[in-house]
N, C-alpha and C. Protein backbone atom coordinates (compact mmCIF):
# COMPACT_ATOMS: atom_id res chain seq x y z
N UNK A 1 74.61 -18.21 48.31
CA UNK A 1 74.17 -18.21 46.94
C UNK A 1 75.14 -19.06 46.11
N UNK A 2 74.63 -19.58 45.01
CA UNK A 2 75.47 -20.51 44.27
C UNK A 2 75.99 -19.96 42.94
N UNK A 3 76.16 -18.72 42.77
CA UNK A 3 76.91 -18.25 41.63
C UNK A 3 76.12 -17.64 40.49
N UNK A 4 74.88 -17.35 40.59
CA UNK A 4 74.18 -16.69 39.51
C UNK A 4 72.72 -17.06 39.46
N UNK A 5 72.02 -16.41 38.56
CA UNK A 5 70.58 -16.68 38.45
C UNK A 5 70.34 -18.07 37.88
N UNK A 6 69.23 -18.67 38.23
CA UNK A 6 68.93 -19.99 37.67
C UNK A 6 68.67 -19.90 36.17
N UNK A 7 69.03 -20.94 35.46
CA UNK A 7 68.80 -21.00 34.02
C UNK A 7 67.33 -21.32 33.76
N UNK A 8 66.65 -20.48 32.95
CA UNK A 8 65.24 -20.78 32.66
C UNK A 8 65.13 -22.06 31.84
N UNK A 9 63.99 -22.77 31.96
CA UNK A 9 63.83 -23.99 31.15
C UNK A 9 63.84 -23.64 29.66
N UNK A 10 64.42 -24.51 28.87
CA UNK A 10 64.49 -24.28 27.43
C UNK A 10 63.21 -24.77 26.77
N UNK A 11 62.61 -23.90 25.98
CA UNK A 11 61.40 -24.25 25.24
C UNK A 11 61.69 -24.10 23.75
N UNK A 12 61.12 -24.97 22.94
CA UNK A 12 61.33 -24.80 21.49
C UNK A 12 60.57 -23.56 21.02
N UNK A 13 61.00 -22.96 19.92
CA UNK A 13 60.27 -21.81 19.39
C UNK A 13 58.83 -22.19 19.07
N UNK A 14 57.95 -21.20 19.10
CA UNK A 14 56.52 -21.43 18.88
C UNK A 14 56.26 -22.04 17.50
N UNK A 15 57.05 -21.70 16.50
CA UNK A 15 56.80 -22.16 15.14
C UNK A 15 57.22 -23.61 14.90
N UNK A 16 57.94 -24.22 15.81
CA UNK A 16 58.47 -25.57 15.58
C UNK A 16 57.37 -26.63 15.52
N UNK A 17 56.31 -26.49 16.33
CA UNK A 17 55.23 -27.48 16.33
C UNK A 17 54.54 -27.61 14.99
N UNK A 18 54.02 -26.49 14.41
CA UNK A 18 53.40 -26.58 13.08
C UNK A 18 54.36 -27.07 12.01
N UNK A 19 55.64 -26.69 12.10
CA UNK A 19 56.61 -27.15 11.12
C UNK A 19 56.77 -28.67 11.16
N UNK A 20 56.81 -29.23 12.37
CA UNK A 20 56.93 -30.68 12.49
C UNK A 20 55.70 -31.38 11.95
N UNK A 21 54.52 -30.81 12.18
CA UNK A 21 53.28 -31.42 11.67
C UNK A 21 53.29 -31.39 10.15
N UNK A 22 53.60 -30.24 9.55
CA UNK A 22 53.62 -30.13 8.09
C UNK A 22 54.65 -31.09 7.50
N UNK A 23 55.82 -31.16 8.11
CA UNK A 23 56.86 -32.07 7.61
C UNK A 23 56.39 -33.52 7.68
N UNK A 24 55.73 -33.88 8.77
CA UNK A 24 55.23 -35.26 8.90
C UNK A 24 54.18 -35.56 7.84
N UNK A 25 53.29 -34.61 7.56
CA UNK A 25 52.25 -34.83 6.55
C UNK A 25 52.87 -34.96 5.17
N UNK A 26 53.81 -34.08 4.83
CA UNK A 26 54.43 -34.13 3.51
C UNK A 26 55.22 -35.42 3.34
N UNK A 27 55.97 -35.81 4.34
CA UNK A 27 56.79 -37.01 4.24
C UNK A 27 55.96 -38.29 4.28
N UNK A 28 54.79 -38.24 4.91
CA UNK A 28 53.97 -39.44 5.06
C UNK A 28 53.07 -39.68 3.87
N UNK A 29 52.91 -38.70 2.97
CA UNK A 29 52.01 -38.84 1.83
C UNK A 29 52.65 -39.73 0.79
N UNK A 30 52.03 -40.88 0.46
CA UNK A 30 52.62 -41.78 -0.53
C UNK A 30 52.47 -41.24 -1.95
N UNK A 31 53.29 -41.72 -2.84
CA UNK A 31 53.21 -41.33 -4.24
C UNK A 31 51.94 -41.90 -4.86
N UNK A 32 51.51 -41.28 -5.94
CA UNK A 32 50.26 -41.67 -6.61
C UNK A 32 50.26 -43.14 -7.00
N UNK A 33 51.33 -43.64 -7.56
CA UNK A 33 51.38 -45.02 -8.03
C UNK A 33 51.28 -46.02 -6.89
N UNK A 34 51.70 -45.63 -5.69
CA UNK A 34 51.72 -46.54 -4.56
C UNK A 34 50.44 -46.52 -3.75
N UNK A 35 49.59 -45.54 -3.97
CA UNK A 35 48.44 -45.36 -3.09
C UNK A 35 47.14 -45.78 -3.77
N UNK A 36 46.22 -46.33 -3.00
CA UNK A 36 44.90 -46.65 -3.56
C UNK A 36 44.11 -45.36 -3.74
N UNK A 37 43.07 -45.39 -4.55
CA UNK A 37 42.26 -44.18 -4.72
C UNK A 37 41.70 -43.73 -3.37
N UNK A 38 41.64 -42.43 -3.20
CA UNK A 38 41.08 -41.89 -1.96
C UNK A 38 39.56 -41.90 -2.03
N UNK A 39 38.88 -42.19 -0.93
CA UNK A 39 37.42 -42.10 -0.93
C UNK A 39 36.99 -40.64 -0.94
N UNK A 40 35.78 -40.39 -1.44
CA UNK A 40 35.23 -39.04 -1.36
C UNK A 40 35.14 -38.66 0.11
N UNK A 41 35.38 -37.44 0.40
CA UNK A 41 35.47 -36.99 1.78
C UNK A 41 34.45 -35.92 2.06
N UNK A 42 34.21 -35.67 3.35
CA UNK A 42 33.33 -34.58 3.74
C UNK A 42 33.93 -33.25 3.30
N UNK A 43 35.23 -33.25 3.05
CA UNK A 43 35.89 -32.01 2.64
C UNK A 43 35.62 -31.68 1.18
N UNK A 44 35.14 -32.62 0.40
CA UNK A 44 34.83 -32.34 -0.99
C UNK A 44 33.61 -31.44 -1.05
N UNK A 45 33.59 -30.55 -2.00
CA UNK A 45 32.48 -29.61 -2.16
C UNK A 45 31.85 -29.85 -3.52
N UNK A 46 30.55 -30.18 -3.56
CA UNK A 46 29.92 -30.50 -4.84
C UNK A 46 29.90 -29.32 -5.81
N UNK A 47 30.14 -28.11 -5.34
CA UNK A 47 30.16 -26.93 -6.23
C UNK A 47 31.49 -26.81 -6.98
N UNK A 48 32.49 -27.57 -6.58
CA UNK A 48 33.80 -27.50 -7.22
C UNK A 48 33.89 -28.54 -8.33
N UNK A 49 34.67 -28.27 -9.38
CA UNK A 49 34.75 -29.21 -10.50
C UNK A 49 35.46 -30.52 -10.19
N UNK A 50 36.33 -30.52 -9.17
CA UNK A 50 37.07 -31.73 -8.83
C UNK A 50 36.91 -32.02 -7.34
N UNK A 51 36.82 -33.30 -7.00
CA UNK A 51 36.68 -33.71 -5.60
C UNK A 51 37.94 -34.43 -5.14
N UNK A 52 38.12 -34.49 -3.85
CA UNK A 52 39.26 -35.22 -3.30
C UNK A 52 39.14 -36.69 -3.73
N UNK A 53 40.22 -37.23 -4.25
CA UNK A 53 40.25 -38.61 -4.71
C UNK A 53 40.06 -38.76 -6.21
N UNK A 54 39.61 -37.70 -6.89
CA UNK A 54 39.41 -37.77 -8.34
C UNK A 54 40.73 -38.04 -9.06
N UNK A 55 40.70 -38.95 -10.02
CA UNK A 55 41.83 -39.18 -10.91
C UNK A 55 41.66 -38.18 -12.05
N UNK A 56 42.69 -37.39 -12.30
CA UNK A 56 42.63 -36.31 -13.27
C UNK A 56 43.91 -36.27 -14.07
N UNK A 57 44.02 -35.27 -14.95
CA UNK A 57 45.26 -34.95 -15.64
C UNK A 57 45.62 -33.52 -15.28
N UNK A 58 46.89 -33.28 -15.00
CA UNK A 58 47.38 -31.96 -14.61
C UNK A 58 48.33 -31.44 -15.67
N UNK A 59 48.15 -30.19 -16.03
CA UNK A 59 49.05 -29.58 -17.02
C UNK A 59 50.29 -29.06 -16.30
N UNK A 60 51.42 -29.61 -16.68
CA UNK A 60 52.71 -29.19 -16.14
C UNK A 60 53.56 -28.82 -17.34
N UNK A 61 53.80 -27.54 -17.51
CA UNK A 61 54.50 -27.07 -18.71
C UNK A 61 53.61 -27.28 -19.91
N UNK A 62 54.09 -28.02 -20.89
CA UNK A 62 53.33 -28.27 -22.11
C UNK A 62 52.70 -29.66 -22.16
N UNK A 63 52.81 -30.43 -21.08
CA UNK A 63 52.29 -31.80 -21.10
C UNK A 63 51.22 -31.99 -20.02
N UNK A 64 50.37 -32.98 -20.23
CA UNK A 64 49.35 -33.37 -19.26
C UNK A 64 49.82 -34.65 -18.58
N UNK A 65 49.89 -34.65 -17.27
CA UNK A 65 50.39 -35.78 -16.49
C UNK A 65 49.25 -36.35 -15.66
N UNK A 66 49.08 -37.68 -15.62
CA UNK A 66 48.06 -38.26 -14.74
C UNK A 66 48.32 -37.84 -13.29
N UNK A 67 47.25 -37.58 -12.56
CA UNK A 67 47.38 -37.12 -11.17
C UNK A 67 46.14 -37.50 -10.39
N UNK A 68 46.17 -37.23 -9.09
CA UNK A 68 45.03 -37.47 -8.22
C UNK A 68 44.90 -36.28 -7.27
N UNK A 69 43.67 -35.82 -7.08
CA UNK A 69 43.41 -34.71 -6.17
C UNK A 69 43.53 -35.20 -4.74
N UNK A 70 44.35 -34.55 -3.95
CA UNK A 70 44.57 -34.90 -2.55
C UNK A 70 43.92 -33.93 -1.59
N UNK A 71 43.78 -32.66 -2.00
CA UNK A 71 43.20 -31.65 -1.13
C UNK A 71 42.82 -30.44 -1.97
N UNK A 72 42.10 -29.52 -1.36
CA UNK A 72 41.90 -28.23 -1.98
C UNK A 72 41.89 -27.19 -0.88
N UNK A 73 42.28 -25.99 -1.28
CA UNK A 73 42.37 -24.91 -0.31
C UNK A 73 42.21 -23.58 -1.02
N UNK A 74 41.88 -22.58 -0.26
CA UNK A 74 41.78 -21.25 -0.81
C UNK A 74 43.18 -20.64 -0.85
N UNK A 75 43.57 -20.11 -2.02
CA UNK A 75 44.88 -19.49 -2.16
C UNK A 75 44.72 -18.08 -2.70
N UNK A 76 45.62 -17.21 -2.28
CA UNK A 76 45.58 -15.83 -2.73
C UNK A 76 46.44 -15.70 -3.98
N UNK A 77 45.89 -15.12 -5.02
CA UNK A 77 46.61 -14.89 -6.27
C UNK A 77 46.54 -13.41 -6.61
N UNK A 78 47.15 -13.03 -7.70
CA UNK A 78 47.10 -11.63 -8.15
C UNK A 78 45.67 -11.22 -8.49
N UNK A 79 44.82 -12.18 -8.83
CA UNK A 79 43.43 -11.89 -9.18
C UNK A 79 42.48 -12.00 -7.99
N UNK A 80 43.01 -12.25 -6.82
CA UNK A 80 42.17 -12.42 -5.63
C UNK A 80 42.31 -13.84 -5.10
N UNK A 81 41.26 -14.31 -4.43
CA UNK A 81 41.30 -15.66 -3.87
C UNK A 81 40.73 -16.66 -4.87
N UNK A 82 41.40 -17.80 -4.99
CA UNK A 82 40.96 -18.89 -5.86
C UNK A 82 41.12 -20.20 -5.11
N UNK A 83 40.56 -21.26 -5.67
CA UNK A 83 40.74 -22.59 -5.09
C UNK A 83 41.97 -23.22 -5.71
N UNK A 84 42.88 -23.67 -4.88
CA UNK A 84 44.06 -24.40 -5.34
C UNK A 84 43.89 -25.87 -4.97
N UNK A 85 44.17 -26.75 -5.91
CA UNK A 85 44.03 -28.19 -5.69
C UNK A 85 45.40 -28.78 -5.41
N UNK A 86 45.55 -29.45 -4.28
CA UNK A 86 46.76 -30.19 -3.98
C UNK A 86 46.68 -31.52 -4.70
N UNK A 87 47.62 -31.78 -5.60
CA UNK A 87 47.57 -33.00 -6.40
C UNK A 87 48.87 -33.78 -6.25
N UNK A 88 48.76 -35.09 -6.38
CA UNK A 88 49.92 -35.98 -6.47
C UNK A 88 50.05 -36.38 -7.93
N UNK A 89 51.19 -36.08 -8.51
CA UNK A 89 51.42 -36.39 -9.92
C UNK A 89 51.95 -37.81 -10.06
N UNK A 90 51.75 -38.40 -11.23
CA UNK A 90 52.19 -39.77 -11.48
C UNK A 90 53.71 -39.91 -11.41
N UNK A 91 54.44 -38.81 -11.57
CA UNK A 91 55.90 -38.87 -11.49
C UNK A 91 56.40 -38.79 -10.05
N UNK A 92 55.47 -38.80 -9.07
CA UNK A 92 55.84 -38.79 -7.66
C UNK A 92 55.93 -37.41 -7.04
N UNK A 93 55.80 -36.38 -7.83
CA UNK A 93 55.88 -35.01 -7.30
C UNK A 93 54.50 -34.55 -6.87
N UNK A 94 54.47 -33.49 -6.09
CA UNK A 94 53.22 -32.90 -5.62
C UNK A 94 53.18 -31.45 -6.04
N UNK A 95 51.96 -30.92 -6.24
CA UNK A 95 51.82 -29.53 -6.65
C UNK A 95 50.48 -29.01 -6.20
N UNK A 96 50.38 -27.70 -6.14
CA UNK A 96 49.09 -27.04 -5.92
C UNK A 96 48.79 -26.30 -7.21
N UNK A 97 47.69 -26.66 -7.87
CA UNK A 97 47.35 -26.12 -9.17
C UNK A 97 45.94 -25.56 -9.16
N UNK A 98 45.67 -24.65 -10.09
CA UNK A 98 44.32 -24.10 -10.24
C UNK A 98 43.48 -25.06 -11.08
N UNK A 99 42.18 -24.87 -11.06
CA UNK A 99 41.27 -25.71 -11.85
C UNK A 99 41.57 -25.59 -13.34
N UNK A 100 42.11 -24.44 -13.77
CA UNK A 100 42.45 -24.25 -15.19
C UNK A 100 43.58 -25.17 -15.64
N UNK A 101 44.36 -25.67 -14.70
CA UNK A 101 45.48 -26.55 -15.01
C UNK A 101 45.12 -28.02 -14.87
N UNK A 102 43.84 -28.32 -14.61
CA UNK A 102 43.39 -29.69 -14.39
C UNK A 102 42.28 -30.03 -15.38
N UNK A 103 42.16 -31.30 -15.69
CA UNK A 103 41.07 -31.78 -16.53
C UNK A 103 40.77 -33.22 -16.20
N UNK A 104 39.59 -33.66 -16.56
CA UNK A 104 39.23 -35.06 -16.42
C UNK A 104 40.06 -35.86 -17.42
N UNK A 105 40.36 -37.13 -17.13
CA UNK A 105 41.16 -37.93 -18.06
C UNK A 105 40.50 -37.99 -19.44
N UNK A 106 41.32 -37.97 -20.46
CA UNK A 106 40.82 -38.04 -21.82
C UNK A 106 40.62 -36.68 -22.47
N UNK A 107 41.02 -35.62 -21.80
CA UNK A 107 40.99 -34.29 -22.40
C UNK A 107 39.68 -33.57 -22.31
N UNK A 108 38.81 -33.94 -21.37
CA UNK A 108 37.54 -33.23 -21.27
C UNK A 108 37.59 -32.15 -20.24
């Protein structure tokens, strides 16, 4: 015998794969000013007020900032489930906001 049990193969933790995918998606998403408008997608739902690719204004604090809808998803809030819109803001930041925090350009 050669001195002990064999060392099992090392495997990364189960959570590392999704983390790498999410990190790649977040890091690969260009800022609003650098990206062309997104085309309407099969993921857009005509029953929702905003579609993927829509140029909108997002309320951040007391100001409205130009933004673009990048995604939408169901999010759990204190009031139950709502639709959260993933947006890219003109200042280069990203956020998930409710429809109440978004409007069409020009204040409508």
